[in-house]
Amino acid sequence: MAKEEKRSFGANEAGLLVTELRQQFNSGKTKSYEWRVSQLKGIVKMVEDKEKEIAEALHMDLDKPELEAFVSEVLINGLLSCIFILLCVQCNS
């Protein structure tokens, strides 16, 4: 499998991203319950998909062992996100 190419994220890219995000916010798109839940689900999926990369970054940056990184950052945050989604779904049922 080919390794992902690392891209830089500079001031120009940040400015474009901020502009795009502001446009989405100002459009009202982010107000709906469905949109917010879909974003939370996307975060959970991203954490699951990038679990190894997150653990590696925590090891490189904070010298956290892989198991500690998984438990303290990935697992707990993933569980909290899932609980939040379930609570949101129940509130709107």
Foldseek 3Di string as FASTA:
>chain_A
DDDDDDDDCDPVNVVVVVVVVVVCVVVVVCVDLVNVLVVLVVVLVVCVVCVVVQLVVCCVPVVDHSVCSCVVPRVVVSVVSVVVSVVSVVVVD
